[in-house]
Protein backbone atom coordinates (compact mmCIF):
# COMPACT_ATOMS: atom_id res chain seq x y z
CA MET A 1 94.00 106.13 162.76
CA VAL A 2 93.81 109.96 163.54
CA GLY A 3 90.54 111.52 162.64
CA VAL A 4 89.58 115.20 162.34
CA PHE A 5 86.23 115.93 163.42
CA GLY A 6 84.34 119.23 163.39
CA VAL A 7 83.28 120.91 166.74
CA GLY A 8 81.20 123.77 167.20
CA ALA A 9 83.48 126.17 168.59
CA LEU A 10 82.43 128.72 166.03
CA ARG A 11 79.20 130.08 165.74
CA SER A 12 79.12 132.81 163.05
CA GLU A 13 76.60 132.73 160.17
CA ALA A 14 79.01 131.78 157.69
CA PHE A 15 80.30 128.97 159.78
CA THR A 16 76.69 127.50 160.13
CA SER A 17 75.91 127.96 156.63
CA LEU A 18 79.05 126.03 155.52
CA TRP A 19 78.28 123.30 158.21
CA TYR A 20 74.74 122.74 157.13
CA ASP A 21 74.46 123.91 153.63
CA GLY A 22 77.85 122.75 152.23
CA LEU A 23 79.09 119.93 154.39
CA ALA A 24 76.20 118.01 156.10
CA LEU A 25 74.07 115.39 154.38
CA SER A 26 70.56 116.08 153.50
CA LEU A 27 67.99 115.40 150.85
CA ASP A 28 68.30 119.15 149.77
CA ALA A 29 72.33 118.78 149.47
CA LEU A 30 71.95 115.51 147.26
CA ALA A 31 69.01 117.24 145.18
CA GLY A 32 71.59 120.10 144.60
CA ALA A 33 74.25 117.81 143.46
CA ARG A 34 76.52 117.98 146.56
CA ILE A 35 77.32 114.31 146.36
CA TRP A 36 80.56 114.93 148.51
CA THR A 37 78.16 115.35 151.50
CA LEU A 38 77.85 111.51 151.44
CA VAL A 39 81.44 111.47 152.77
CA THR A 40 81.81 115.11 154.61
CA TYR A 41 78.76 114.58 156.83
CA ALA A 42 80.88 111.95 158.92
CA TRP A 43 83.33 114.77 159.93
CA LEU A 44 80.73 117.12 161.51
CA HIS A 45 79.03 116.45 164.72
CA ASP A 46 76.13 117.94 166.60
CA LEU A 47 76.72 121.49 167.37
CA GLY A 48 74.50 121.12 170.36
CA GLY A 49 76.67 119.13 172.53
CA PRO A 50 79.68 117.04 172.70
CA LEU A 51 78.23 113.53 173.61
CA HIS A 52 77.98 112.57 169.99
CA LEU A 53 81.44 113.36 169.11
CA ILE A 54 82.71 111.63 172.33
CA ALA A 55 80.77 108.42 171.58
CA ASN A 56 82.51 108.32 168.13
CA LEU A 57 85.74 108.89 169.45
CA VAL A 58 85.65 106.08 172.00
CA GLY A 59 84.55 103.78 169.27
CA LEU A 60 87.44 104.70 167.05
CA TYR A 61 89.87 104.49 170.12
CA PHE A 62 88.97 100.85 170.99
CA LEU A 63 88.26 99.28 167.50
CA ALA A 64 90.45 101.40 164.99
CA PRO A 65 94.00 100.47 166.16
CA GLU A 66 93.46 96.49 166.02
CA LEU A 67 91.84 96.60 162.72
CA GLU A 68 94.12 99.27 161.15
CA ALA A 69 97.30 96.99 162.21
CA ARG A 70 95.54 94.01 160.56
CA TRP A 71 94.61 95.47 157.41
CA ARG A 72 97.25 98.52 157.27
CA LYS A 73 96.29 102.07 156.85
CA ARG A 74 95.36 102.34 153.17
CA ALA A 75 92.99 99.20 153.47
CA PHE A 76 91.50 100.27 156.69
CA LEU A 77 90.81 103.87 155.29
CA ARG A 78 89.10 102.50 152.24
CA PHE A 79 87.11 100.28 154.68
CA PHE A 80 85.86 103.21 156.81
CA LEU A 81 85.06 105.43 154.00
CA ILE A 82 83.11 102.92 152.18
CA CYS A 83 81.11 102.39 155.37
CA ILE A 84 80.52 105.94 155.87
CA VAL A 85 79.14 106.28 152.30
CA GLY A 86 77.00 103.07 152.98
CA GLY A 87 75.59 104.96 155.90
CA GLY A 88 75.07 108.07 154.00
CA VAL A 89 73.18 106.46 151.28
CA PHE A 90 70.91 104.44 153.79
CA ALA A 91 70.23 107.69 155.66
CA ALA A 92 69.17 109.52 152.56
CA VAL A 93 66.79 106.61 151.62
CA GLY A 94 65.40 106.51 155.03
CA ALA A 95 64.85 110.10 155.01
CA GLY A 96 63.19 109.99 151.56
CA LEU A 97 60.91 107.19 152.90
CA GLY A 98 59.83 109.28 155.67
CA GLY A 99 61.44 107.46 158.58
CA LEU A 100 61.06 103.84 157.30
CA PHE A 101 64.13 102.89 159.38
CA GLY A 102 63.49 105.02 162.55
CA ALA A 103 64.19 108.49 163.02
CA ALA A 104 64.78 110.53 159.69
CA PRO A 105 66.58 113.63 160.57
CA GLN A 106 66.45 116.19 157.89
CA VAL A 107 70.18 116.97 158.23
CA THR A 108 72.56 113.93 158.83
CA VAL A 109 76.05 114.46 160.62
CA GLY A 110 78.43 112.16 162.48
CA ALA A 111 80.76 109.25 161.89
CA SER A 112 78.59 106.60 163.52
CA ALA A 113 77.98 104.71 160.37
CA GLY A 114 81.78 104.42 160.02
CA VAL A 115 82.13 103.30 163.76
CA MET A 116 79.25 100.91 163.44
CA GLY A 117 81.02 99.35 160.41
CA LEU A 118 84.21 98.93 162.35
CA LEU A 119 82.11 97.29 165.25
CA ALA A 120 80.73 94.83 162.78
CA ALA A 121 84.17 94.07 161.32
CA TRP A 122 85.55 93.60 164.76
CA SER A 123 82.83 91.25 165.93
CA MET A 124 83.19 89.08 162.61
CA ALA A 125 86.83 88.79 163.43
CA ASN A 126 86.57 88.18 167.09
CA PRO A 127 83.27 86.15 167.68
CA ARG A 128 84.67 84.62 170.92
CA ARG A 129 86.59 87.46 172.20
CA LYS A 130 84.75 89.39 175.14
CA LEU A 131 84.12 93.23 175.11
CA LEU A 132 83.11 95.12 177.96
CA LEU A 133 79.83 96.75 176.52
CA MET A 134 79.14 100.09 178.29
CA PHE A 135 82.60 99.28 180.21
CA VAL A 136 80.75 96.81 182.62
CA LEU A 137 78.96 94.05 180.66
CA PRO A 138 81.50 91.22 179.27
CA VAL A 139 79.82 90.29 175.93
CA GLU A 140 81.32 87.75 173.22
CA GLY A 141 81.94 89.49 170.07
CA ARG A 142 79.26 87.76 168.18
CA TYR A 143 76.47 89.08 170.53
CA VAL A 144 77.84 92.64 170.65
CA LEU A 145 76.55 94.04 167.13
CA PRO A 146 73.09 92.67 167.64
CA ILE A 147 72.92 94.06 171.16
CA VAL A 148 74.07 97.57 169.92
CA LEU A 149 71.70 97.67 167.15
CA GLY A 150 68.94 96.40 169.18
CA LEU A 151 69.49 99.19 171.53
CA ASP A 152 69.99 101.58 168.69
CA ALA A 153 66.59 100.75 167.38
CA LEU A 154 64.75 101.27 170.51
CA ILE A 155 66.46 104.73 170.87
CA ALA A 156 65.52 105.71 167.30
CA PHE A 157 61.96 104.41 167.24
CA SER A 158 61.43 106.10 170.70
CA GLY A 159 61.73 109.57 168.82
CA SER A 160 65.21 110.24 169.19
CA ASP A 161 66.89 112.06 166.11
CA THR A 162 69.52 109.53 165.95
CA SER A 163 69.76 108.19 162.32
CA PHE A 164 69.33 104.43 162.83
CA SER A 165 69.31 104.05 158.90
CA ALA A 166 72.81 105.50 158.82
CA HIS A 167 73.98 102.99 161.28
CA ILE A 168 72.33 100.08 159.15
CA GLY A 169 73.95 101.35 156.16
CA GLY A 170 77.43 101.25 157.69
CA VAL A 171 76.80 97.65 158.98
CA VAL A 172 75.49 96.66 155.65
CA ALA A 173 78.56 98.20 153.85
CA ALA A 174 81.12 96.32 156.11
CA TRP A 175 79.34 93.06 155.90
CA LEU A 176 79.53 93.36 151.96
CA GLN A 177 83.07 94.14 152.15
CA LEU A 178 84.10 91.53 154.36
CA GLY A 179 82.75 89.03 152.06
CA GLY A 180 79.19 88.49 153.43
CA GLY A 181 77.60 89.31 150.09
CA ARG A 182 79.87 86.72 148.26
CA ARG A 183 79.18 84.07 150.58
CA TRP A 184 75.41 84.75 150.39
CA LEU A 185 75.22 84.44 146.81
CA THR A 186 77.45 81.30 146.77
CA ARG A 187 74.99 79.58 149.32
CA LEU A 188 72.21 80.86 147.11
CA GLN A 189 73.52 79.54 143.87
CA LYS A 190 74.24 76.22 145.76
CA ARG A 191 70.78 75.93 147.08
CA ARG A 192 69.27 76.64 143.53
CA HIS A 193 71.46 74.00 142.00
CA ASN A 194 70.45 71.41 144.57
CA HIS A 195 66.92 72.34 143.97
CA GLN A 196 67.53 71.80 140.06
CA ARG A 197 69.06 68.39 140.75
CA ALA A 198 66.48 67.25 142.83
CA ALA A 199 63.70 68.41 140.28
CA MET A 200 65.73 66.64 137.62
CA ARG A 201 65.64 63.37 139.57
CA GLY A 202 62.03 63.80 140.11
CA ARG A 203 61.46 63.98 136.26
CA LEU A 204 63.57 60.81 135.58
CA HIS A 205 62.13 57.33 135.71
CA VAL A 206 63.22 53.84 135.02
CA VAL A 207 61.96 52.22 131.76
CA LYS A 208 61.95 48.60 130.76
CA GLY A 209 64.88 47.98 128.39
CA GLY A 210 64.82 46.31 124.98
CA ARG A 211 62.77 46.92 121.80
CA ASP A 212 59.20 46.02 120.97
CA ASP A 213 60.35 43.97 117.96
CA ASP A 214 62.87 41.89 119.65
CA PRO A 215 62.10 38.16 119.53
CA THR A 216 60.98 36.50 122.78
CA VAL A 217 63.56 34.16 124.22
CA ASN A 218 61.94 31.16 125.70
């Protein structure tokens, strides 16, 4: 996948206004009916430095080709965009609740929610494969996501302006798209059915057969 991400090469007032007021995600943008910012925020990155952009591009470089080859381009793009929207929704909720999910930046930019969704998909598809975490530590796929989210939470709750809620939203959106929600509902329904059967068995009891007016046979 080839992604086009905004960079802070231009610093004019008009450019900054378009960046933050027209395309970035914020509660003010959503209150002003700029719903498209739930998608466009992902194509913007921190104007103050390149690390945010580089981190997302590295994630896309390692995760996107394999998943795109497996799903094909259209399905991959749909998955990625839904993760981005999910991240945007969670970021807005987190900001509205005053940082319940960690840091609550006034303006949210970056494709991290989509990349976290890809990481969740890769981990679910490759639970036994090893990935070099931080390019050094070999970790099995099933452990990668919990470790990354744990580190992410520590960074967010330490006062960083990282939108941890957006990352969680991307993971939740990925989980739902990959059938996690359906499997959870199926297990819940099966458990409730078992409880109902157990309760029914508890209400049933054996009674002595025959009628009271039957003649006694000696």
